[in-house]
Protein backbone atom coordinates (compact mmCIF):
# COMPACT_ATOMS: atom_id res chain seq x y z
CA MET A 1 0.00 0.00 0.00
CA ALA A 2 0.99 3.64 0.33
CA ARG A 3 0.96 6.54 2.74
CA TYR A 4 -0.07 10.00 1.60
CA ARG A 5 0.21 13.18 3.64
CA LYS A 6 -1.95 16.10 2.54
CA ILE A 7 0.17 18.66 0.69
CA HIS A 8 -2.14 21.69 0.81
CA LEU A 9 -3.28 22.53 4.33
CA PHE A 10 -6.60 24.29 4.84
CA ASP A 11 -5.68 27.64 6.40
CA ILE A 12 -8.55 29.91 5.39
CA THR A 13 -11.63 31.78 6.48
CA THR A 14 -14.71 30.68 4.54
CA PRO A 15 -17.27 33.16 3.12
CA ASP A 16 -19.50 32.49 6.16
CA GLY A 17 -16.70 33.62 8.51
CA GLN A 18 -15.66 30.18 9.77
CA GLY A 19 -11.89 30.01 10.28
CA TYR A 20 -9.67 26.96 9.82
CA GLN A 21 -5.95 26.53 10.41
CA GLU A 22 -4.78 22.97 9.80
CA SER A 23 -1.14 24.08 9.94
CA ALA A 24 -1.56 24.69 13.67
CA THR A 25 -2.01 20.92 14.12
CA TYR A 26 -0.50 19.21 11.07
CA GLY A 27 2.58 19.44 8.89
CA ALA A 28 2.18 19.43 5.12
CA GLY A 29 3.24 16.47 3.04
CA GLU A 30 5.69 16.87 0.19
CA GLU A 31 5.27 13.76 -1.95
CA VAL A 32 3.01 12.89 -4.86
CA VAL A 33 1.93 9.33 -4.05
CA THR A 34 0.64 6.45 -6.16
CA CYS A 35 0.46 2.71 -5.67
CA VAL A 36 -0.88 -0.28 -7.57
CA ILE A 37 -4.09 -1.91 -6.32
CA ASN A 38 -5.42 -4.89 -8.28
CA GLY A 39 -3.40 -3.81 -11.31
CA VAL A 40 -4.73 -0.22 -11.28
CA ILE A 41 -2.40 2.71 -10.56
CA VAL A 42 -4.10 4.71 -7.82
CA GLY A 43 -3.18 8.28 -6.89
CA PHE A 44 -4.01 10.00 -3.63
CA ALA A 45 -5.06 13.48 -2.53
CA ILE A 46 -7.02 14.87 0.40
CA CYS A 47 -9.73 17.54 0.55
CA TYR A 48 -8.21 21.01 -0.05
CA ASP A 49 -5.64 19.45 -2.42
CA LEU A 50 -8.52 19.35 -4.92
CA ARG A 51 -8.07 23.06 -5.63
CA PHE A 52 -4.53 22.62 -6.96
CA SER A 53 -4.58 21.13 -10.45
CA GLU A 54 -0.80 20.69 -10.63
CA LEU A 55 -0.98 17.86 -8.09
CA PHE A 56 -3.46 15.96 -10.23
CA LEU A 57 -1.44 16.45 -13.40
CA ALA A 58 1.57 15.07 -11.51
CA LEU A 59 -0.50 12.04 -10.47
CA ARG A 60 -1.52 11.49 -14.10
CA ARG A 61 2.13 11.75 -15.20
CA LYS A 62 2.91 9.02 -12.65
CA GLY A 63 0.37 6.83 -14.44
CA ALA A 64 -2.69 7.23 -12.22
CA GLU A 65 -5.92 5.80 -13.59
CA LEU A 66 -7.93 6.29 -10.39
CA ILE A 67 -7.54 9.08 -7.85
CA VAL A 68 -8.92 8.65 -4.35
CA LEU A 69 -9.73 11.93 -2.59
CA PRO A 70 -11.43 11.79 0.82
CA ALA A 71 -12.72 15.18 1.94
CA ALA A 72 -14.65 17.22 4.46
CA PHE A 73 -15.64 20.26 2.39
CA THR A 74 -17.51 22.88 4.36
CA LEU A 75 -21.21 23.27 3.68
CA GLN A 76 -20.64 26.61 1.91
CA THR A 77 -17.66 25.64 -0.25
CA GLY A 78 -19.10 22.21 -0.94
CA LYS A 79 -22.34 23.56 -2.38
CA ASP A 80 -20.50 25.84 -4.76
CA HIS A 81 -17.30 23.97 -5.63
CA TRP A 82 -17.22 20.25 -4.70
CA GLY A 83 -18.83 18.66 -7.75
CA VAL A 84 -17.46 21.21 -10.20
CA LEU A 85 -13.86 20.76 -9.06
CA LEU A 86 -14.06 16.95 -8.98
CA ARG A 87 -15.51 16.76 -12.47
CA ALA A 88 -12.95 19.28 -13.76
CA ARG A 89 -10.06 17.27 -12.30
CA ALA A 90 -11.47 14.05 -13.78
CA ILE A 91 -11.75 15.69 -17.20
CA GLU A 92 -8.32 17.35 -17.21
CA THR A 93 -6.51 14.22 -15.96
CA GLN A 94 -8.74 11.68 -17.72
CA CYS A 95 -8.79 9.67 -14.49
CA TRP A 96 -11.51 8.07 -12.45
CA PHE A 97 -12.19 9.87 -9.15
CA ALA A 98 -13.48 8.21 -6.00
CA ALA A 99 -14.26 10.95 -3.52
CA PRO A 100 -15.73 9.87 -0.17
CA ALA A 101 -16.94 12.92 1.75
CA CYS A 102 -17.86 13.62 5.37
CA TYR A 103 -21.43 14.77 5.88
CA GLY A 104 -23.21 16.47 8.76
CA VAL A 105 -22.41 18.43 11.89
CA HIS A 106 -19.15 17.68 13.68
CA ARG A 107 -18.20 19.12 17.06
CA GLU A 108 -14.67 20.37 17.55
CA THR A 109 -12.98 19.87 20.94
CA SER A 110 -13.69 23.56 21.53
CA GLY A 111 -17.40 22.77 21.22
CA GLU A 112 -17.64 24.67 17.96
CA ALA A 113 -19.84 23.04 15.31
CA ARG A 114 -18.46 22.31 11.86
CA HIS A 115 -20.90 21.57 9.02
CA THR A 116 -19.62 19.40 6.18
CA TYR A 117 -21.22 19.03 2.77
CA GLY A 118 -20.97 15.32 2.02
CA HIS A 119 -22.05 14.27 -1.48
CA SER A 120 -19.51 11.47 -1.93
CA LEU A 121 -19.14 10.79 -5.61
CA ILE A 122 -17.41 8.79 -8.29
CA ALA A 123 -16.62 10.41 -11.64
CA ASP A 124 -15.35 8.78 -14.81
CA PRO A 125 -12.51 10.14 -17.02
CA TRP A 126 -15.03 12.03 -19.17
CA GLY A 127 -16.31 13.88 -16.10
CA HIS A 128 -19.62 12.04 -15.78
CA VAL A 129 -20.77 11.39 -12.23
CA VAL A 130 -21.43 7.64 -12.23
CA ALA A 131 -22.38 7.34 -8.55
CA MET A 132 -23.20 9.85 -5.82
CA VAL A 133 -24.60 10.02 -2.33
CA SER A 134 -26.79 13.11 -2.11
CA ASP A 135 -27.75 14.60 1.24
CA GLY A 136 -27.17 12.27 4.15
CA VAL A 137 -25.17 9.21 4.97
CA GLY A 138 -24.85 6.56 2.29
CA TRP A 139 -22.65 4.47 0.08
CA ALA A 140 -21.60 4.78 -3.56
CA GLY A 141 -19.74 2.29 -5.70
CA ALA A 142 -18.69 1.83 -9.32
CA GLU A 143 -16.40 -0.36 -11.35
CA VAL A 144 -13.33 1.28 -12.88
CA ASP A 145 -13.74 0.65 -16.61
CA ARG A 146 -10.16 0.67 -17.87
CA ALA A 147 -11.33 0.31 -21.47
CA LEU A 148 -13.27 3.59 -21.10
CA THR A 149 -10.15 5.24 -19.69
CA ALA A 150 -8.12 4.02 -22.68
CA ARG A 151 -10.76 5.26 -25.17
CA VAL A 152 -10.97 8.70 -23.55
CA ARG A 153 -7.19 9.07 -23.49
CA ALA A 154 -6.73 7.83 -27.07
CA GLY A 155 -9.52 10.03 -28.42
CA MET A 156 -8.24 13.20 -26.77
CA PRO A 157 -4.55 12.82 -25.82
CA VAL A 158 -4.37 15.95 -23.67
CA LEU A 159 -1.30 14.83 -21.71
CA GLU A 160 0.71 14.53 -24.92
CA HIS A 161 -0.66 17.83 -26.26
CA ARG A 162 -0.01 19.83 -23.07
CA LYS A 163 2.34 22.80 -23.58
CA LEU A 164 3.47 25.57 -21.31
CA VAL A 165 3.29 29.02 -22.89
């Protein structure tokens, strides 16, 4: 297996005024991590990492076909950005995404309530959501269709066409 440490720590104040400072408790990781599971190259990212496309392009360059991204997006940012960002990353990397997401109200040790968006989802390399848990607790599953991945990548070879200008 593999061990991934979140590279991008969540040190922000959300539009609703809620403040977060993960760097007060955690150190940032520095490695782009993949491993092979049942013959599939799997890449890893966590939550706020989703906003940094360079990480996902690096995972694709390392051969990732599936990217696993657990998250606890806030209610506010989740509503506006969660699905859009996941689908965009799936499209630009032409990878499957499995994104389990925390849902509900969580109490911090300070007693403060934190509301998370949930909406776990699985997206294919074309950006289609093939499974999703809407509001509430649930389970989503899908089979990684490697033939679909190959067709998408052959039909639109964006990794080979990528240029820096």
